[in-house]
């Protein structure tokens, strides 16, 4: 879908375990895209708007064209998901992960005391 909406190939954004933990816990975070999954039992899908250079959450770091492309991408994926034409994860693989490591809700307790 991304290449249809943007004309570019998708890029993978690696995240680490500490990216799931809350800010303010003195751990380095690459991106907070998946933090909401620790606060809800509802499905969470992250869509990162990134840049070629590190800009963090600085004012002006997100450009309107990037936001517009992200919204169009999200709409196209939502349409495919609603039609049953795509999935966000493999149910069997996810069940194995939860069985082995437990639910991500444990990360709620990783905030700085």
PDB file of N, CA and C in Angstrom:
ATOM      1  N   UNK A   1       0.795  -1.191   0.000  1.00  0.00           N
ATOM      2  CA  UNK A   1       0.000   0.000   0.000  1.00  0.00           C
ATOM      3  C   UNK A   1       0.847   1.269   0.000  1.00  0.00           C
ATOM      4  N   UNK A   2       1.958   1.259   0.751  1.00  0.00           N
ATOM      5  CA  UNK A   2       2.758   2.475   0.847  1.00  0.00           C
ATOM      6  C   UNK A   2       3.259   2.910  -0.527  1.00  0.00           C
ATOM      7  N   UNK A   3       3.726   1.953  -1.319  1.00  0.00           N
ATOM      8  CA  UNK A   3       4.240   2.330  -2.627  1.00  0.00           C
ATOM      9  C   UNK A   3       3.141   2.860  -3.543  1.00  0.00           C
ATOM     10  N   UNK A   4       1.890   2.413  -3.337  1.00  0.00           N
ATOM     11  CA  UNK A   4       0.779   2.938  -4.124  1.00  0.00           C
ATOM     12  C   UNK A   4       0.497   4.389  -3.731  1.00  0.00           C
ATOM     13  N   UNK A   5       0.481   4.669  -2.445  1.00  0.00           N
ATOM     14  CA  UNK A   5       0.148   6.007  -1.955  1.00  0.00           C
ATOM     15  C   UNK A   5       1.280   6.999  -2.171  1.00  0.00           C
ATOM     16  N   UNK A   6       2.526   6.584  -1.918  1.00  0.00           N
ATOM     17  CA  UNK A   6       3.644   7.537  -1.950  1.00  0.00           C
ATOM     18  C   UNK A   6       4.528   7.428  -3.185  1.00  0.00           C
ATOM     19  N   UNK A   7       4.468   6.300  -3.864  1.00  0.00           N
ATOM     20  CA  UNK A   7       5.378   6.085  -4.986  1.00  0.00           C
ATOM     21  C   UNK A   7       6.763   5.671  -4.532  1.00  0.00           C
ATOM     22  N   UNK A   8       6.909   5.344  -3.263  1.00  0.00           N
ATOM     23  CA  UNK A   8       8.192   4.927  -2.694  1.00  0.00           C
ATOM     24  C   UNK A   8       8.060   3.562  -2.051  1.00  0.00           C
ATOM     25  N   UNK A   9       9.175   2.874  -1.935  1.00  0.00           N
ATOM     26  CA  UNK A   9       9.183   1.590  -1.256  1.00  0.00           C
ATOM     27  C   UNK A   9       9.072   1.788   0.248  1.00  0.00           C
ATOM     28  N   UNK A  10       8.451   0.843   0.958  1.00  0.00           N
ATOM     29  CA  UNK A  10       8.366   0.955   2.413  1.00  0.00           C
ATOM     30  C   UNK A  10       9.737   0.845   3.065  1.00  0.00           C
ATOM     31  N   UNK A  11       9.859   1.430   4.236  1.00  0.00           N
ATOM     32  CA  UNK A  11      11.084   1.382   5.019  1.00  0.00           C
ATOM     33  C   UNK A  11      10.731   0.817   6.389  1.00  0.00           C
ATOM     34  N   UNK A  12      11.580  -0.036   6.907  1.00  0.00           N
ATOM     35  CA  UNK A  12      11.349  -0.639   8.219  1.00  0.00           C
ATOM     36  C   UNK A  12      11.963   0.235   9.298  1.00  0.00           C
ATOM     37  N   UNK A  13      11.197   0.485  10.354  1.00  0.00           N
ATOM     38  CA  UNK A  13      11.686   1.228  11.504  1.00  0.00           C
ATOM     39  C   UNK A  13      11.858   0.236  12.649  1.00  0.00           C
ATOM     40  N   UNK A  14      13.076  -0.109  12.981  1.00  0.00           N
ATOM     41  CA  UNK A  14      13.270  -1.053  14.089  1.00  0.00           C
ATOM     42  C   UNK A  14      12.954  -0.387  15.422  1.00  0.00           C
ATOM     43  N   UNK A  15      12.323  -1.155  16.287  1.00  0.00           N
ATOM     44  CA  UNK A  15      12.087  -0.664  17.638  1.00  0.00           C
ATOM     45  C   UNK A  15      12.709  -1.652  18.607  1.00  0.00           C
ATOM     46  N   UNK A  16      12.859  -1.224  19.832  1.00  0.00           N
ATOM     47  CA  UNK A  16      13.456  -2.066  20.855  1.00  0.00           C
ATOM     48  C   UNK A  16      12.483  -2.213  22.012  1.00  0.00           C
ATOM     49  N   UNK A  17      12.773  -3.094  22.920  1.00  0.00           N
ATOM     50  CA  UNK A  17      11.895  -3.299  24.062  1.00  0.00           C
ATOM     51  C   UNK A  17      11.684  -2.002  24.828  1.00  0.00           C
ATOM     52  N   UNK A  18      12.733  -1.214  24.991  1.00  0.00           N
ATOM     53  CA  UNK A  18      12.557   0.022  25.752  1.00  0.00           C
ATOM     54  C   UNK A  18      11.644   1.016  25.040  1.00  0.00           C
ATOM     55  N   UNK A  19      11.433   0.868  23.728  1.00  0.00           N
ATOM     56  CA  UNK A  19      10.502   1.752  23.025  1.00  0.00           C
ATOM     57  C   UNK A  19       9.064   1.526  23.455  1.00  0.00           C
ATOM     58  N   UNK A  20       8.784   0.367  24.026  1.00  0.00           N
ATOM     59  CA  UNK A  20       7.439   0.062  24.507  1.00  0.00           C
ATOM     60  C   UNK A  20       7.235   0.651  25.898  1.00  0.00           C
ATOM     61  N   UNK A  21       8.303   0.904  26.605  1.00  0.00           N
ATOM     62  CA  UNK A  21       8.200   1.416  27.975  1.00  0.00           C
ATOM     63  C   UNK A  21       7.867   2.906  27.963  1.00  0.00           C
ATOM     64  N   UNK A  22       7.279   3.416  29.038  1.00  0.00           N
ATOM     65  CA  UNK A  22       6.902   4.832  29.098  1.00  0.00           C
ATOM     66  C   UNK A  22       8.122   5.752  29.106  1.00  0.00           C
ATOM     67  N   UNK A  23       7.941   6.954  28.581  1.00  0.00           N
ATOM     68  CA  UNK A  23       8.983   7.968  28.702  1.00  0.00           C
ATOM     69  C   UNK A  23       9.158   8.331  30.175  1.00  0.00           C
ATOM     70  N   UNK A  24      10.281   8.904  30.521  1.00  0.00           N
ATOM     71  CA  UNK A  24      10.520   9.336  31.887  1.00  0.00           C
ATOM     72  C   UNK A  24      11.119   8.253  32.759  1.00  0.00           C
ATOM     73  N   UNK A  25      11.574   7.151  32.161  1.00  0.00           N
ATOM     74  CA  UNK A  25      12.140   6.064  32.965  1.00  0.00           C
ATOM     75  C   UNK A  25      13.657   5.963  32.782  1.00  0.00           C
ATOM     76  N   UNK A  26      14.262   7.021  32.249  1.00  0.00           N
ATOM     77  CA  UNK A  26      15.715   7.097  32.057  1.00  0.00           C
ATOM     78  C   UNK A  26      16.255   6.054  31.073  1.00  0.00           C
ATOM     79  N   UNK A  27      15.417   5.552  30.172  1.00  0.00           N
ATOM     80  CA  UNK A  27      15.862   4.645  29.116  1.00  0.00           C
ATOM     81  C   UNK A  27      15.823   5.379  27.786  1.00  0.00           C
ATOM     82  N   UNK A  28      16.750   5.045  26.904  1.00  0.00           N
ATOM     83  CA  UNK A  28      16.791   5.642  25.576  1.00  0.00           C
ATOM     84  C   UNK A  28      15.648   5.076  24.740  1.00  0.00           C
ATOM     85  N   UNK A  29      14.905   5.938  24.072  1.00  0.00           N
ATOM     86  CA  UNK A  29      13.791   5.535  23.213  1.00  0.00           C
ATOM     87  C   UNK A  29      14.071   5.974  21.784  1.00  0.00           C
ATOM     88  N   UNK A  30      13.939   5.049  20.844  1.00  0.00           N
ATOM     89  CA  UNK A  30      14.053   5.404  19.429  1.00  0.00           C
ATOM     90  C   UNK A  30      12.742   6.015  18.963  1.00  0.00           C
ATOM     91  N   UNK A  31      11.629   5.435  19.393  1.00  0.00           N
ATOM     92  CA  UNK A  31      10.320   5.864  18.956  1.00  0.00           C
ATOM     93  C   UNK A  31       9.293   5.392  19.973  1.00  0.00           C
ATOM     94  N   UNK A  32       8.244   6.141  20.179  1.00  0.00           N
ATOM     95  CA  UNK A  32       7.205   5.765  21.142  1.00  0.00           C
ATOM     96  C   UNK A  32       5.984   5.163  20.462  1.00  0.00           C
ATOM     97  N   UNK A  33       6.139   4.764  19.225  1.00  0.00           N
ATOM     98  CA  UNK A  33       5.011   4.346  18.400  1.00  0.00           C
ATOM     99  C   UNK A  33       4.163   3.230  19.013  1.00  0.00           C
ATOM    100  N   UNK A  34       4.752   2.333  19.774  1.00  0.00           N
ATOM    101  CA  UNK A  34       3.999   1.205  20.308  1.00  0.00           C
ATOM    102  C   UNK A  34       3.637   1.346  21.786  1.00  0.00           C
ATOM    103  N   UNK A  35       3.949   2.468  22.408  1.00  0.00           N
ATOM    104  CA  UNK A  35       3.626   2.647  23.823  1.00  0.00           C
ATOM    105  C   UNK A  35       2.138   2.463  24.130  1.00  0.00           C
ATOM    106  N   UNK A  36       1.216   2.882  23.261  1.00  0.00           N
ATOM    107  CA  UNK A  36      -0.202   2.697  23.597  1.00  0.00           C
ATOM    108  C   UNK A  36      -0.602   1.241  23.828  1.00  0.00           C
ATOM    109  N   UNK A  37       0.124   0.289  23.277  1.00  0.00           N
ATOM    110  CA  UNK A  37      -0.256  -1.115  23.443  1.00  0.00           C
ATOM    111  C   UNK A  37      -0.132  -1.571  24.892  1.00  0.00           C
ATOM    112  N   UNK A  38       0.577  -0.828  25.710  1.00  0.00           N
ATOM    113  CA  UNK A  38       0.715  -1.220  27.113  1.00  0.00           C
ATOM    114  C   UNK A  38      -0.409  -0.664  27.978  1.00  0.00           C
ATOM    115  N   UNK A  39      -1.221   0.222  27.420  1.00  0.00           N
ATOM    116  CA  UNK A  39      -2.253   0.887  28.210  1.00  0.00           C
ATOM    117  C   UNK A  39      -3.670   0.449  27.861  1.00  0.00           C
ATOM    118  N   UNK A  40      -3.812  -0.439  26.894  1.00  0.00           N
ATOM    119  CA  UNK A  40      -5.142  -0.844  26.461  1.00  0.00           C
ATOM    120  C   UNK A  40      -5.139  -2.299  26.012  1.00  0.00           C
ATOM    121  N   UNK A  41      -6.288  -2.913  26.087  1.00  0.00           N
ATOM    122  CA  UNK A  41      -6.413  -4.272  25.547  1.00  0.00           C
ATOM    123  C   UNK A  41      -6.925  -4.222  24.115  1.00  0.00           C
ATOM    124  N   UNK A  42      -7.201  -3.023  23.617  1.00  0.00           N
ATOM    125  CA  UNK A  42      -7.644  -2.855  22.232  1.00  0.00           C
ATOM    126  C   UNK A  42      -6.455  -3.025  21.286  1.00  0.00           C
ATOM    127  N   UNK A  43      -6.705  -3.454  20.073  1.00  0.00           N
ATOM    128  CA  UNK A  43      -5.597  -3.569  19.105  1.00  0.00           C
ATOM    129  C   UNK A  43      -4.962  -2.202  18.839  1.00  0.00           C
ATOM    130  N   UNK A  44      -3.656  -2.173  18.726  1.00  0.00           N
ATOM    131  CA  UNK A  44      -2.920  -0.945  18.452  1.00  0.00           C
ATOM    132  C   UNK A  44      -2.036  -1.175  17.243  1.00  0.00           C
ATOM    133  N   UNK A  45      -2.111  -0.282  16.288  1.00  0.00           N
ATOM    134  CA  UNK A  45      -1.249  -0.340  15.109  1.00  0.00           C
ATOM    135  C   UNK A  45      -0.510   0.981  15.043  1.00  0.00           C
ATOM    136  N   UNK A  46       0.807   0.913  14.945  1.00  0.00           N
ATOM    137  CA  UNK A  46       1.608   2.129  14.888  1.00  0.00           C
ATOM    138  C   UNK A  46       1.952   2.505  13.467  1.00  0.00           C
ATOM    139  N   UNK A  47       1.922   3.780  13.173  1.00  0.00           N
ATOM    140  CA  UNK A  47       2.331   4.299  11.875  1.00  0.00           C
ATOM    141  C   UNK A  47       3.282   5.452  12.148  1.00  0.00           C
ATOM    142  N   UNK A  48       4.550   5.224  11.892  1.00  0.00           N
ATOM    143  CA  UNK A  48       5.566   6.232  12.192  1.00  0.00           C
ATOM    144  C   UNK A  48       5.751   7.184  11.022  1.00  0.00           C
ATOM    145  N   UNK A  49       5.831   8.454  11.335  1.00  0.00           N
ATOM    146  CA  UNK A  49       6.240   9.453  10.356  1.00  0.00           C
ATOM    147  C   UNK A  49       7.692   9.755  10.711  1.00  0.00           C
ATOM    148  N   UNK A  50       8.592   9.397   9.830  1.00  0.00           N
ATOM    149  CA  UNK A  50      10.016   9.528  10.130  1.00  0.00           C
ATOM    150  C   UNK A  50      10.705  10.455   9.135  1.00  0.00           C
ATOM    151  N   UNK A  51      11.915  10.808   9.462  1.00  0.00           N
ATOM    152  CA  UNK A  51      12.724  11.664   8.601  1.00  0.00           C
ATOM    153  C   UNK A  51      14.080  11.006   8.387  1.00  0.00           C
ATOM    154  N   UNK A  52      14.789  11.470   7.384  1.00  0.00           N
ATOM    155  CA  UNK A  52      16.120  10.925   7.123  1.00  0.00           C
ATOM    156  C   UNK A  52      17.132  11.396   8.153  1.00  0.00           C
ATOM    157  N   UNK A  53      16.836  12.508   8.805  1.00  0.00           N
ATOM    158  CA  UNK A  53      17.724  13.023   9.843  1.00  0.00           C
ATOM    159  C   UNK A  53      16.970  13.023  11.165  1.00  0.00           C
ATOM    160  N   UNK A  54      17.666  12.824  12.286  1.00  0.00           N
ATOM    161  CA  UNK A  54      16.964  12.810  13.571  1.00  0.00           C
ATOM    162  C   UNK A  54      16.433  14.195  13.923  1.00  0.00           C
ATOM    163  N   UNK A  55      15.134  14.259  14.152  1.00  0.00           N
ATOM    164  CA  UNK A  55      14.547  15.535  14.546  1.00  0.00           C
ATOM    165  C   UNK A  55      13.713  15.384  15.807  1.00  0.00           C
ATOM    166  N   UNK A  56      13.450  14.164  16.207  1.00  0.00           N
ATOM    167  CA  UNK A  56      12.694  13.925  17.429  1.00  0.00           C
ATOM    168  C   UNK A  56      11.310  14.515  17.362  1.00  0.00           C
ATOM    169  N   UNK A  57      10.850  15.020  18.473  1.00  0.00           N
ATOM    170  CA  UNK A  57       9.506  15.596  18.569  1.00  0.00           C
ATOM    171  C   UNK A  57       9.562  17.108  18.465  1.00  0.00           C
ATOM    172  N   UNK A  58      10.587  17.631  17.842  1.00  0.00           N
ATOM    173  CA  UNK A  58      10.760  19.086  17.754  1.00  0.00           C
ATOM    174  C   UNK A  58       9.598  19.723  16.997  1.00  0.00           C
ATOM    175  N   UNK A  59       9.252  20.929  17.401  1.00  0.00           N
ATOM    176  CA  UNK A  59       8.232  21.691  16.694  1.00  0.00           C
ATOM    177  C   UNK A  59       8.652  21.841  15.240  1.00  0.00           C
ATOM    178  N   UNK A  60       7.754  21.564  14.337  1.00  0.00           N
ATOM    179  CA  UNK A  60       8.049  21.686  12.920  1.00  0.00           C
ATOM    180  C   UNK A  60       8.680  20.446  12.307  1.00  0.00           C
ATOM    181  N   UNK A  61       8.859  19.389  13.095  1.00  0.00           N
ATOM    182  CA  UNK A  61       9.519  18.191  12.573  1.00  0.00           C
ATOM    183  C   UNK A  61       8.628  17.412  11.607  1.00  0.00           C
ATOM    184  N   UNK A  62       7.321  17.515  11.762  1.00  0.00           N
ATOM    185  CA  UNK A  62       6.391  16.823  10.863  1.00  0.00           C
ATOM    186  C   UNK A  62       5.904  17.812   9.805  1.00  0.00           C
ATOM    187  N   UNK A  63       6.029  17.409   8.552  1.00  0.00           N
ATOM    188  CA  UNK A  63       5.630  18.269   7.447  1.00  0.00           C
ATOM    189  C   UNK A  63       4.257  17.832   6.941  1.00  0.00           C
ATOM    190  N   UNK A  64       3.472  18.802   6.494  1.00  0.00           N
ATOM    191  CA  UNK A  64       2.097  18.500   6.100  1.00  0.00           C
ATOM    192  C   UNK A  64       1.992  17.428   5.022  1.00  0.00           C
ATOM    193  N   UNK A  65       2.922  17.384   4.100  1.00  0.00           N
ATOM    194  CA  UNK A  65       2.858  16.355   3.055  1.00  0.00           C
ATOM    195  C   UNK A  65       3.078  14.967   3.655  1.00  0.00           C
ATOM    196  N   UNK A  66       3.969  14.873   4.637  1.00  0.00           N
ATOM    197  CA  UNK A  66       4.203  13.579   5.294  1.00  0.00           C
ATOM    198  C   UNK A  66       2.966  13.125   6.060  1.00  0.00           C
ATOM    199  N   UNK A  67       2.320  14.062   6.736  1.00  0.00           N
ATOM    200  CA  UNK A  67       1.104  13.737   7.490  1.00  0.00           C
ATOM    201  C   UNK A  67      -0.002  13.313   6.529  1.00  0.00           C
ATOM    202  N   UNK A  68      -0.138  14.032   5.431  1.00  0.00           N
ATOM    203  CA  UNK A  68      -1.163  13.702   4.438  1.00  0.00           C
ATOM    204  C   UNK A  68      -0.925  12.323   3.837  1.00  0.00           C
ATOM    205  N   UNK A  69       0.318  12.004   3.515  1.00  0.00           N
ATOM    206  CA  UNK A  69       0.631  10.678   2.977  1.00  0.00           C
ATOM    207  C   UNK A  69       0.350   9.579   3.998  1.00  0.00           C
ATOM    208  N   UNK A  70       0.669   9.853   5.268  1.00  0.00           N
ATOM    209  CA  UNK A  70       0.403   8.867   6.322  1.00  0.00           C
ATOM    210  C   UNK A  70      -1.100   8.625   6.464  1.00  0.00           C
ATOM    211  N   UNK A  71      -1.888   9.675   6.379  1.00  0.00           N
ATOM    212  CA  UNK A  71      -3.348   9.532   6.487  1.00  0.00           C
ATOM    213  C   UNK A  71      -3.886   8.736   5.307  1.00  0.00           C
ATOM    214  N   UNK A  72      -3.441   9.056   4.087  1.00  0.00           N
ATOM    215  CA  UNK A  72      -3.911   8.304   2.920  1.00  0.00           C
ATOM    216  C   UNK A  72      -3.509   6.838   3.011  1.00  0.00           C
ATOM    217  N   UNK A  73      -2.287   6.576   3.483  1.00  0.00           N
ATOM    218  CA  UNK A  73      -1.835   5.195   3.679  1.00  0.00           C
ATOM    219  C   UNK A  73      -2.727   4.481   4.690  1.00  0.00           C
ATOM    220  N   UNK A  74      -3.013   5.139   5.814  1.00  0.00           N
ATOM    221  CA  UNK A  74      -3.860   4.532   6.846  1.00  0.00           C
ATOM    222  C   UNK A  74      -5.251   4.221   6.306  1.00  0.00           C
ATOM    223  N   UNK A  75      -5.806   5.110   5.501  1.00  0.00           N
ATOM    224  CA  UNK A  75      -7.127   4.870   4.910  1.00  0.00           C
ATOM    225  C   UNK A  75      -7.097   3.672   3.976  1.00  0.00           C
ATOM    226  N   UNK A  76      -6.075   3.579   3.137  1.00  0.00           N
ATOM    227  CA  UNK A  76      -5.980   2.456   2.205  1.00  0.00           C
ATOM    228  C   UNK A  76      -5.820   1.130   2.948  1.00  0.00           C
ATOM    229  N   UNK A  77      -5.003   1.120   3.979  1.00  0.00           N
ATOM    230  CA  UNK A  77      -4.821  -0.104   4.770  1.00  0.00           C
ATOM    231  C   UNK A  77      -6.114  -0.456   5.494  1.00  0.00           C
ATOM    232  N   UNK A  78      -6.791   0.541   6.047  1.00  0.00           N
ATOM    233  CA  UNK A  78      -8.058   0.287   6.747  1.00  0.00           C
ATOM    234  C   UNK A  78      -9.090  -0.315   5.794  1.00  0.00           C
ATOM    235  N   UNK A  79      -9.143   0.175   4.563  1.00  0.00           N
ATOM    236  CA  UNK A  79     -10.076  -0.391   3.587  1.00  0.00           C
ATOM    237  C   UNK A  79      -9.751  -1.857   3.327  1.00  0.00           C
ATOM    238  N   UNK A  80      -8.467  -2.169   3.132  1.00  0.00           N
ATOM    239  CA  UNK A  80      -8.066  -3.566   2.877  1.00  0.00           C
ATOM    240  C   UNK A  80      -8.344  -4.439   4.096  1.00  0.00           C
ATOM    241  N   UNK A  81      -8.054  -3.904   5.288  1.00  0.00           N
ATOM    242  CA  UNK A  81      -8.296  -4.658   6.514  1.00  0.00           C
ATOM    243  C   UNK A  81      -9.786  -4.948   6.670  1.00  0.00           C
ATOM    244  N   UNK A  82     -10.618  -3.948   6.410  1.00  0.00           N
ATOM    245  CA  UNK A  82     -12.064  -4.119   6.504  1.00  0.00           C
ATOM    246  C   UNK A  82     -12.606  -5.134   5.518  1.00  0.00           C
ATOM    247  N   UNK A  83     -11.925  -5.298   4.392  1.00  0.00           N
ATOM    248  CA  UNK A  83     -12.321  -6.286   3.385  1.00  0.00           C
ATOM    249  C   UNK A  83     -11.755  -7.667   3.687  1.00  0.00           C
ATOM    250  N   UNK A  84     -10.946  -7.755   4.752  1.00  0.00           N
ATOM    251  CA  UNK A  84     -10.305  -9.023   5.084  1.00  0.00           C
ATOM    252  C   UNK A  84      -9.145  -9.368   4.165  1.00  0.00           C
ATOM    253  N   UNK A  85      -8.620  -8.354   3.466  1.00  0.00           N
ATOM    254  CA  UNK A  85      -7.554  -8.579   2.494  1.00  0.00           C
ATOM    255  C   UNK A  85      -6.151  -8.406   3.082  1.00  0.00           C
ATOM    256  N   UNK A  86      -6.047  -7.997   4.350  1.00  0.00           N
ATOM    257  CA  UNK A  86      -4.744  -7.887   4.990  1.00  0.00           C
ATOM    258  C   UNK A  86      -4.899  -8.092   6.491  1.00  0.00           C
ATOM    259  N   UNK A  87      -3.803  -8.399   7.138  1.00  0.00           N
ATOM    260  CA  UNK A  87      -3.795  -8.603   8.585  1.00  0.00           C
ATOM    261  C   UNK A  87      -2.608  -7.858   9.168  1.00  0.00           C
ATOM    262  N   UNK A  88      -2.707  -7.502  10.440  1.00  0.00           N
ATOM    263  CA  UNK A  88      -1.628  -6.767  11.089  1.00  0.00           C
ATOM    264  C   UNK A  88      -0.649  -7.681  11.812  1.00  0.00           C
ATOM    265  N   UNK A  89      -1.059  -8.906  12.061  1.00  0.00           N
ATOM    266  CA  UNK A  89      -0.167  -9.857  12.695  1.00  0.00           C
ATOM    267  C   UNK A  89      -0.659 -11.268  12.406  1.00  0.00           C
ATOM    268  N   UNK A  90       0.189 -12.223  12.683  1.00  0.00           N
ATOM    269  CA  UNK A  90      -0.157 -13.629  12.549  1.00  0.00           C
ATOM    270  C   UNK A  90      -0.674 -14.111  13.902  1.00  0.00           C
ATOM    271  N   UNK A  91      -1.927 -14.561  13.953  1.00  0.00           N
ATOM    272  CA  UNK A  91      -2.545 -14.954  15.223  1.00  0.00           C
ATOM    273  C   UNK A  91      -1.766 -16.049  15.951  1.00  0.00           C
ATOM    274  N   UNK A  92      -1.302 -17.049  15.219  1.00  0.00           N
ATOM    275  CA  UNK A  92      -0.568 -18.150  15.853  1.00  0.00           C
ATOM    276  C   UNK A  92       0.769 -17.671  16.415  1.00  0.00           C
ATOM    277  N   UNK A  93       1.472 -16.857  15.653  1.00  0.00           N
ATOM    278  CA  UNK A  93       2.754 -16.325  16.118  1.00  0.00           C
ATOM    279  C   UNK A  93       2.550 -15.450  17.359  1.00  0.00           C
ATOM    280  N   UNK A  94       1.528 -14.600  17.334  1.00  0.00           N
ATOM    281  CA  UNK A  94       1.249 -13.738  18.478  1.00  0.00           C
ATOM    282  C   UNK A  94       0.922 -14.563  19.721  1.00  0.00           C
ATOM    283  N   UNK A  95       0.148 -15.624  19.549  1.00  0.00           N
ATOM    284  CA  UNK A  95      -0.184 -16.497  20.685  1.00  0.00           C
ATOM    285  C   UNK A  95       1.077 -17.126  21.273  1.00  0.00           C
ATOM    286  N   UNK A  96       2.023 -17.515  20.404  1.00  0.00           N
ATOM    287  CA  UNK A  96       3.290 -18.085  20.897  1.00  0.00           C
ATOM    288  C   UNK A  96       4.104 -17.034  21.659  1.00  0.00           C
ATOM    289  N   UNK A  97       4.116 -15.811  21.166  1.00  0.00           N
ATOM    290  CA  UNK A  97       4.851 -14.737  21.843  1.00  0.00           C
ATOM    291  C   UNK A  97       4.255 -14.487  23.227  1.00  0.00           C
ATOM    292  N   UNK A  98       2.926 -14.371  23.313  1.00  0.00           N
ATOM    293  CA  UNK A  98       2.277 -14.112  24.596  1.00  0.00           C
ATOM    294  C   UNK A  98       2.488 -15.285  25.546  1.00  0.00           C
ATOM    295  N   UNK A  99       2.427 -16.495  25.026  1.00  0.00           N
ATOM    296  CA  UNK A  99       2.647 -17.672  25.874  1.00  0.00           C
ATOM    297  C   UNK A  99       4.059 -17.671  26.446  1.00  0.00           C
ATOM    298  N   UNK A 100       5.018 -17.288  25.627  1.00  0.00           N
ATOM    299  CA  UNK A 100       6.419 -17.311  26.058  1.00  0.00           C
ATOM    300  C   UNK A 100       6.779 -16.132  26.954  1.00  0.00           C
ATOM    301  N   UNK A 101       6.308 -14.925  26.606  1.00  0.00           N
ATOM    302  CA  UNK A 101       6.769 -13.720  27.301  1.00  0.00           C
ATOM    303  C   UNK A 101       5.688 -12.990  28.087  1.00  0.00           C
ATOM    304  N   UNK A 102       4.452 -13.417  27.970  1.00  0.00           N
ATOM    305  CA  UNK A 102       3.366 -12.744  28.667  1.00  0.00           C
ATOM    306  C   UNK A 102       2.851 -11.563  27.868  1.00  0.00           C
ATOM    307  N   UNK A 103       1.780 -10.941  28.353  1.00  0.00           N
ATOM    308  CA  UNK A 103       1.197  -9.811  27.621  1.00  0.00           C
ATOM    309  C   UNK A 103       2.047  -8.550  27.779  1.00  0.00           C
ATOM    310  N   UNK A 104       1.948  -7.657  26.812  1.00  0.00           N
ATOM    311  CA  UNK A 104       2.708  -6.412  26.862  1.00  0.00           C
ATOM    312  C   UNK A 104       2.205  -5.478  27.955  1.00  0.00           C
ATOM    313  N   UNK A 105       1.061  -5.771  28.543  1.00  0.00           N
ATOM    314  CA  UNK A 105       0.556  -4.915  29.615  1.00  0.00           C
ATOM    315  C   UNK A 105       1.513  -4.874  30.797  1.00  0.00           C
ATOM    316  N   UNK A 106       2.421  -5.830  30.895  1.00  0.00           N
ATOM    317  CA  UNK A 106       3.435  -5.802  31.964  1.00  0.00           C
ATOM    318  C   UNK A 106       4.279  -4.537  31.877  1.00  0.00           C
ATOM    319  N   UNK A 107       4.391  -3.981  30.675  1.00  0.00           N
ATOM    320  CA  UNK A 107       5.205  -2.779  30.470  1.00  0.00           C
ATOM    321  C   UNK A 107       4.634  -1.566  31.192  1.00  0.00           C
ATOM    322  N   UNK A 108       3.363  -1.595  31.559  1.00  0.00           N
ATOM    323  CA  UNK A 108       2.769  -0.482  32.306  1.00  0.00           C
ATOM    324  C   UNK A 108       3.536  -0.256  33.614  1.00  0.00           C
ATOM    325  N   UNK A 109       4.080  -1.314  34.147  1.00  0.00           N
ATOM    326  CA  UNK A 109       4.751  -1.247  35.444  1.00  0.00           C
ATOM    327  C   UNK A 109       6.219  -0.850  35.331  1.00  0.00           C
ATOM    328  N   UNK A 110       6.668  -0.595  34.105  1.00  0.00           N
ATOM    329  CA  UNK A 110       8.065  -0.254  33.905  1.00  0.00           C
ATOM    330  C   UNK A 110       8.343   1.233  34.008  1.00  0.00           C
ATOM    331  N   UNK A 111       7.345   2.010  34.319  1.00  0.00           N
ATOM    332  CA  UNK A 111       7.550   3.455  34.466  1.00  0.00           C
ATOM    333  C   UNK A 111       8.488   3.710  35.642  1.00  0.00           C
ATOM    334  N   UNK A 112       9.158   4.809  35.586  1.00  0.00           N
ATOM    335  CA  UNK A 112      10.076   5.184  36.656  1.00  0.00           C
ATOM    336  C   UNK A 112       9.311   5.351  37.975  1.00  0.00           C
ATOM    337  N   UNK A 113       9.753   4.717  39.044  1.00  0.00           N
ATOM    338  CA  UNK A 113       9.028   4.819  40.318  1.00  0.00           C
ATOM    339  C   UNK A 113       9.063   6.208  40.896  1.00  0.00           C
TER     340      UNK A 113
END
